[in-house]
Protein backbone atom coordinates (compact mmCIF):
# COMPACT_ATOMS: atom_id res chain seq x y z
CA MET A 1 144.17 120.62 212.65
CA LYS A 2 147.85 120.13 211.89
CA LYS A 3 149.93 122.78 210.11
CA TYR A 4 150.23 120.44 206.99
CA ASP A 5 146.41 119.78 206.97
CA VAL A 6 145.77 123.63 206.93
CA ASN A 7 148.46 124.20 204.17
CA GLN A 8 146.95 121.55 202.06
CA LYS A 9 143.37 122.81 202.61
CA VAL A 10 144.46 126.56 201.63
CA LEU A 11 146.40 125.00 198.66
CA GLU A 12 143.25 123.23 197.60
CA ALA A 13 141.11 126.16 197.98
CA LEU A 14 143.53 128.45 196.05
CA SER A 15 143.68 125.94 193.11
CA ASP A 16 140.10 125.71 192.76
CA ALA A 17 138.89 128.35 190.10
CA GLN A 18 135.53 129.02 191.73
CA SER A 19 137.01 129.32 195.29
CA ARG A 20 139.68 131.71 194.02
CA THR A 21 137.18 133.79 192.11
CA ILE A 22 135.01 134.19 195.27
CA LEU A 23 138.00 134.92 197.61
CA PHE A 24 139.40 137.50 195.61
CA SER A 25 136.32 139.07 194.41
CA ILE A 26 135.45 139.92 198.19
CA VAL A 27 138.89 141.52 199.10
CA LYS A 28 137.87 145.23 198.78
CA GLU A 29 134.01 145.03 199.29
CA GLY A 30 131.81 142.34 200.79
CA LYS A 31 129.25 140.52 198.75
CA THR A 32 126.21 138.29 199.46
CA ALA A 33 126.08 134.77 198.17
CA ILE A 34 123.50 135.74 195.70
CA GLU A 35 125.62 138.68 194.48
CA LEU A 36 128.44 136.31 193.90
CA SER A 37 126.38 133.82 192.34
CA GLU A 38 124.82 136.26 189.75
CA LYS A 39 127.99 138.17 189.02
CA TYR A 40 130.13 135.03 188.45
CA ARG A 41 127.50 132.64 187.19
CA ILE A 42 128.40 130.14 189.78
CA PRO A 43 125.41 127.98 190.96
CA LEU A 44 124.20 129.48 194.30
CA SER A 45 124.53 125.99 195.96
CA SER A 46 128.22 125.94 194.80
CA VAL A 47 128.88 129.41 196.20
CA TYR A 48 127.57 128.27 199.59
CA LYS A 49 129.66 125.22 199.43
CA LYS A 50 132.82 127.18 198.62
CA ILE A 51 132.22 130.00 201.21
CA THR A 52 131.69 127.37 203.77
CA ASP A 53 134.96 125.63 202.80
CA LEU A 54 136.72 129.09 202.89
CA GLU A 55 135.23 129.90 206.26
CA GLY A 56 136.28 126.53 207.77
CA ILE A 57 139.99 127.44 206.86
CA ALA A 58 139.45 131.12 208.09
CA LEU A 59 140.00 132.77 204.62
CA VAL A 60 136.47 134.19 204.74
CA LYS A 61 134.51 135.92 207.28
CA VAL A 62 131.05 137.32 207.56
CA GLU A 63 131.50 140.99 207.46
CA LYS A 64 127.96 141.87 208.29
CA TRP A 65 124.16 141.06 208.07
CA GLU A 66 121.97 142.74 205.56
CA LEU A 67 118.25 143.02 205.58
CA SER A 68 116.30 142.98 202.32
CA ASP A 69 113.07 144.90 201.64
CA SER A 70 111.15 141.93 202.25
CA GLY A 71 112.60 141.38 205.76
CA LYS A 72 115.15 138.58 204.59
CA ARG A 73 118.49 138.49 206.37
CA PHE A 74 121.54 137.85 204.05
CA LYS A 75 125.27 137.52 205.23
CA VAL A 76 127.70 139.82 203.55
CA TYR A 77 131.15 137.83 203.08
CA LYS A 78 134.57 139.45 203.25
CA SER A 79 138.03 137.85 202.36
CA ARG A 80 140.51 137.79 205.30
CA ILE A 81 143.32 137.97 202.93
CA SER A 82 144.40 140.40 200.44
CA LYS A 83 147.22 138.26 198.73
CA ALA A 84 148.47 134.75 198.85
CA ASP A 85 152.31 133.98 197.99
CA ILE A 86 153.08 130.31 197.47
CA SER A 87 156.68 129.10 197.23
CA ILE A 88 157.34 125.39 196.43
CA LYS A 89 160.15 124.15 198.55
CA LYS A 90 161.19 120.76 199.96
CA PRO A 91 159.59 119.14 202.12
CA GLU A 92 156.38 121.14 201.79
CA PRO A 93 155.14 124.41 200.17
CA VAL A 94 155.26 127.61 202.02
CA ILE A 95 152.21 129.71 202.13
CA ILE A 96 152.38 133.31 203.07
CA LEU A 97 148.90 134.99 203.40
CA THR A 98 148.58 138.75 203.71
CA PRO A 99 145.90 139.86 206.02
CA ASN A 100 143.04 141.97 204.47
CA GLN A 101 142.85 145.53 205.93
């Protein structure tokens, strides 16, 4: 993917309210898709779609797997960034992403 394409996809993700909510709610502590869906009242299918998109541009990672009492496995997602700075400059925006520690 070209740098412009990556920048465009990051901008699109950060301009989407649900993606932003998901991304910045998992900076300090990872959460499962179900936890995100319940806490922020986002349909579970939308949470999975947004997470897939955020993983595709390397803004989210699977931190670990959790096992429920019934033996079902769940991914715990964590943000790869803790901060995003966007400067609007010609010919295209400059995006500075601060890695999450």
